[in-house]
Amino acid sequence: MDNIFKDDDYILVSISEGNEKAFERLFYAYKDKVYGVALFFMKNTTDAEEVLQDVFSRIWKYRKKLPEIKNFSAWVITATRHRCLTLLKKIAVEHNKRAAMQIISKNQTIKDPENEIQQKELQDLLQTALLCLTPQQRKVFELSRLQGLDRRVVASTLGLSPATVSVHLTIALRRVRSFLFEHSYETLIICVLINIL
């Protein structure tokens, strides 16, 4: 698998032109390697799966630069390591933020109606964004991101392979993120809430 693109550079070019089938082939060729590196760094399957999703989401997002990569295998390992380190930092920050929020929430006794209205508007916007997805992508997104189910549980629930779930989720995250950013700066809040940035 390491040398898959030495003779198949056209696949990287195809992906750079938006070919989702070529992207799917790339995903299947490298998902195990990326997941293995992520698991080594993150030490748990949930975070390793998040890194896997993030790496391939970024590959798609920056696909126009793929033809410039000379050694994709080495490049994807380096990119995975960087994403792991970034996520580890993010986890530490979120842990501290969560602890601070718990202290604040203990001291808050009055509900904020304006905040409740804003949350409702953001949820409505997210539901509109989900209409851009295929039925299968939407199911995968809802189970994974809204219900917080593990990739393997989602796969089992829908009768799909975990790798197929990963492909659907990667594409769904890209489409939802794009929709939300087009519609409002405030949607950054909802992106953080459902962990799709």
Protein backbone atom coordinates (compact mmCIF):
# COMPACT_ATOMS: atom_id res chain seq x y z
CA MET A 1 0.00 0.00 0.00
CA ASP A 2 2.90 2.38 0.69
CA ASN A 3 3.79 2.64 -2.98
CA ILE A 4 0.29 2.76 -4.40
CA PHE A 5 0.79 6.20 -5.91
CA LYS A 6 4.30 5.81 -7.37
CA ASP A 7 2.68 4.58 -10.57
CA ASP A 8 -0.77 6.05 -9.92
CA ASP A 9 -0.15 9.80 -9.59
CA TYR A 10 -3.30 10.37 -11.62
CA ILE A 11 -5.32 9.40 -8.52
CA LEU A 12 -3.94 12.36 -6.60
CA VAL A 13 -4.65 14.56 -9.60
CA SER A 14 -8.21 13.15 -9.79
CA ILE A 15 -8.77 13.95 -6.12
CA SER A 16 -7.41 17.46 -6.64
CA GLU A 17 -10.11 17.89 -9.29
CA GLY A 18 -12.85 16.82 -6.88
CA ASN A 19 -13.21 13.12 -7.75
CA GLU A 20 -14.86 11.54 -4.68
CA LYS A 21 -14.34 7.98 -5.95
CA ALA A 22 -10.58 8.58 -6.15
CA PHE A 23 -10.74 10.07 -2.64
CA GLU A 24 -12.52 6.93 -1.44
CA ARG A 25 -9.76 4.78 -2.98
CA LEU A 26 -7.13 6.88 -1.19
CA PHE A 27 -9.03 6.53 2.07
CA TYR A 28 -9.21 2.75 1.86
CA ALA A 29 -5.53 2.53 0.91
CA TYR A 30 -4.29 4.56 3.88
CA LYS A 31 -6.94 4.43 6.61
CA ASP A 32 -5.30 1.59 8.55
CA LYS A 33 -1.89 3.26 8.51
CA VAL A 34 -3.31 6.61 9.63
CA TYR A 35 -5.44 4.96 12.32
CA GLY A 36 -2.45 2.97 13.61
CA VAL A 37 -0.29 6.08 13.99
CA ALA A 38 -3.18 7.97 15.60
CA LEU A 39 -3.84 5.15 18.07
CA PHE A 40 -0.15 5.06 19.02
CA PHE A 41 -0.26 8.76 19.94
CA MET A 42 -3.80 9.13 21.30
CA LYS A 43 -3.94 5.84 23.26
CA ASN A 44 -7.69 5.41 22.76
CA THR A 45 -9.88 4.44 19.83
CA THR A 46 -12.27 7.40 20.01
CA ASP A 47 -9.54 10.01 19.69
CA ALA A 48 -7.71 7.92 17.08
CA GLU A 49 -10.91 7.81 15.00
CA GLU A 50 -11.26 11.57 15.35
CA VAL A 51 -7.71 12.02 14.04
CA LEU A 52 -8.49 9.66 11.15
CA GLN A 53 -11.56 11.72 10.23
CA ASP A 54 -9.69 14.98 10.60
CA VAL A 55 -6.70 13.91 8.48
CA PHE A 56 -8.91 12.80 5.60
CA SER A 57 -11.18 15.84 5.93
CA ARG A 58 -8.11 18.04 5.57
CA ILE A 59 -6.82 16.01 2.65
CA TRP A 60 -10.12 16.71 0.89
CA LYS A 61 -10.19 20.35 1.95
CA TYR A 62 -6.68 21.00 0.60
CA ARG A 63 -6.98 18.52 -2.28
CA LYS A 64 -5.77 21.03 -4.88
CA LYS A 65 -2.25 20.70 -3.41
CA LEU A 66 -2.15 16.89 -3.61
CA PRO A 67 -0.31 16.71 -6.95
CA GLU A 68 2.61 18.58 -5.32
CA ILE A 69 3.21 15.72 -2.85
CA LYS A 70 6.08 13.49 -3.94
CA ASN A 71 5.86 10.80 -1.22
CA PHE A 72 2.27 10.55 -0.08
CA SER A 73 2.91 7.73 2.39
CA ALA A 74 5.52 9.73 4.32
CA TRP A 75 3.47 12.91 4.02
CA VAL A 76 0.29 11.35 5.45
CA ILE A 77 2.20 9.95 8.46
CA THR A 78 3.68 13.38 9.20
CA ALA A 79 0.25 14.99 8.81
CA THR A 80 -1.25 12.41 11.19
CA ARG A 81 1.42 13.08 13.82
CA HIS A 82 0.76 16.82 13.59
CA ARG A 83 -3.00 16.31 13.97
CA CYS A 84 -2.42 14.10 17.02
CA LEU A 85 -0.29 16.75 18.71
CA THR A 86 -2.86 19.42 17.88
CA LEU A 87 -5.69 17.29 19.27
CA LEU A 88 -3.74 16.50 22.45
CA LYS A 89 -3.30 20.24 23.04
CA LYS A 90 -6.99 20.83 22.30
CA ILE A 91 -8.00 18.11 24.76
CA ALA A 92 -5.91 19.74 27.49
CA VAL A 93 -7.48 23.15 26.78
CA GLU A 94 -11.01 21.70 26.73
CA HIS A 95 -10.40 19.89 30.00
CA ASN A 96 -9.46 23.19 31.66
CA LYS A 97 -12.38 24.99 30.01
CA ARG A 98 -14.82 22.29 31.14
CA ALA A 99 -13.61 22.58 34.71
CA ALA A 100 -14.11 26.36 34.57
CA MET A 101 -17.59 25.98 33.05
CA GLN A 102 -18.62 23.59 35.81
CA ILE A 103 -17.70 26.20 38.37
CA ILE A 104 -19.63 28.88 36.46
CA SER A 105 -22.71 26.67 35.96
CA LYS A 106 -22.86 25.90 39.68
CA ASN A 107 -23.10 29.64 40.30
CA GLN A 108 -25.74 30.31 37.62
CA THR A 109 -29.34 29.96 38.73
CA ILE A 110 -31.21 32.15 36.20
CA LYS A 111 -31.93 30.95 32.65
CA ASP A 112 -30.97 33.29 29.83
CA PRO A 113 -33.89 33.48 27.33
CA GLU A 114 -31.71 35.15 24.67
CA ASN A 115 -29.22 32.30 24.84
CA GLU A 116 -32.03 29.74 24.49
CA ILE A 117 -33.34 31.52 21.37
CA GLN A 118 -29.86 31.60 19.84
CA GLN A 119 -29.36 27.89 20.53
CA LYS A 120 -32.71 27.14 18.82
CA GLU A 121 -31.72 29.19 15.76
CA LEU A 122 -28.39 27.39 15.52
CA GLN A 123 -30.06 23.99 15.79
CA ASP A 124 -32.50 24.99 13.02
CA LEU A 125 -29.56 26.05 10.84
CA LEU A 126 -27.84 22.72 11.45
CA GLN A 127 -31.00 20.84 10.44
CA THR A 128 -31.09 22.85 7.20
CA ALA A 129 -27.43 21.99 6.59
CA LEU A 130 -28.23 18.29 7.00
CA LEU A 131 -30.65 18.52 4.07
CA CYS A 132 -27.57 18.92 1.81
CA LEU A 133 -26.50 15.36 2.63
CA THR A 134 -27.52 12.05 1.10
CA PRO A 135 -29.79 9.98 3.37
CA GLN A 136 -26.88 7.65 4.28
CA GLN A 137 -24.52 10.56 5.04
CA ARG A 138 -27.17 12.18 7.18
CA LYS A 139 -27.77 8.99 9.21
CA VAL A 140 -24.05 8.57 9.77
CA PHE A 141 -23.64 12.24 10.76
CA GLU A 142 -26.58 12.19 13.18
CA LEU A 143 -25.49 8.97 14.87
CA SER A 144 -21.84 9.98 15.10
CA ARG A 145 -21.91 13.70 15.77
CA LEU A 146 -25.34 14.38 17.27
CA GLN A 147 -25.78 11.18 19.29
CA GLY A 148 -22.06 10.72 19.97
CA LEU A 149 -21.88 7.08 18.92
CA ASP A 150 -18.55 5.41 18.16
CA ARG A 151 -17.76 4.68 14.48
CA ARG A 152 -18.03 0.92 15.05
CA VAL A 153 -21.42 1.30 16.75
CA VAL A 154 -22.64 3.46 13.85
CA ALA A 155 -21.38 0.83 11.39
CA SER A 156 -23.15 -1.95 13.27
CA THR A 157 -26.38 0.07 13.57
CA LEU A 158 -26.49 0.84 9.84
CA GLY A 159 -25.11 -2.49 8.63
CA LEU A 160 -22.02 -0.85 7.10
CA SER A 161 -18.29 -1.37 7.49
CA PRO A 162 -16.46 1.09 9.79
CA ALA A 163 -14.42 2.24 6.77
CA THR A 164 -17.59 3.06 4.80
CA VAL A 165 -18.91 4.98 7.82
CA SER A 166 -15.64 6.94 7.86
CA VAL A 167 -15.97 7.86 4.19
CA HIS A 168 -19.59 8.98 4.62
CA LEU A 169 -18.72 10.96 7.74
CA THR A 170 -15.73 12.68 6.14
CA ILE A 171 -17.84 13.86 3.20
CA ALA A 172 -20.77 14.82 5.46
CA LEU A 173 -18.54 16.86 7.77
CA ARG A 174 -17.07 18.73 4.81
CA ARG A 175 -20.51 19.56 3.38
CA VAL A 176 -22.07 20.59 6.70
CA ARG A 177 -19.05 22.69 7.67
CA SER A 178 -19.11 24.44 4.30
CA PHE A 179 -22.85 25.16 4.60
CA LEU A 180 -22.54 26.55 8.13
CA PHE A 181 -19.63 28.82 7.29
CA GLU A 182 -21.53 30.22 4.30
CA HIS A 183 -24.50 31.20 6.43
CA SER A 184 -23.19 32.89 9.55
CA TYR A 185 -20.14 33.63 11.65
CA GLU A 186 -22.18 32.64 14.70
CA THR A 187 -22.29 29.09 13.38
CA LEU A 188 -18.74 28.69 14.66
CA ILE A 189 -20.46 28.12 18.01
CA ILE A 190 -22.46 25.18 16.71
CA CYS A 191 -19.40 23.77 14.94
CA VAL A 192 -17.63 23.66 18.28
CA LEU A 193 -20.67 22.16 20.01
CA ILE A 194 -20.88 19.24 17.59
CA ASN A 195 -17.11 18.97 17.11
CA ILE A 196 -16.96 19.39 13.35
CA LEU A 197 -14.26 22.02 12.99
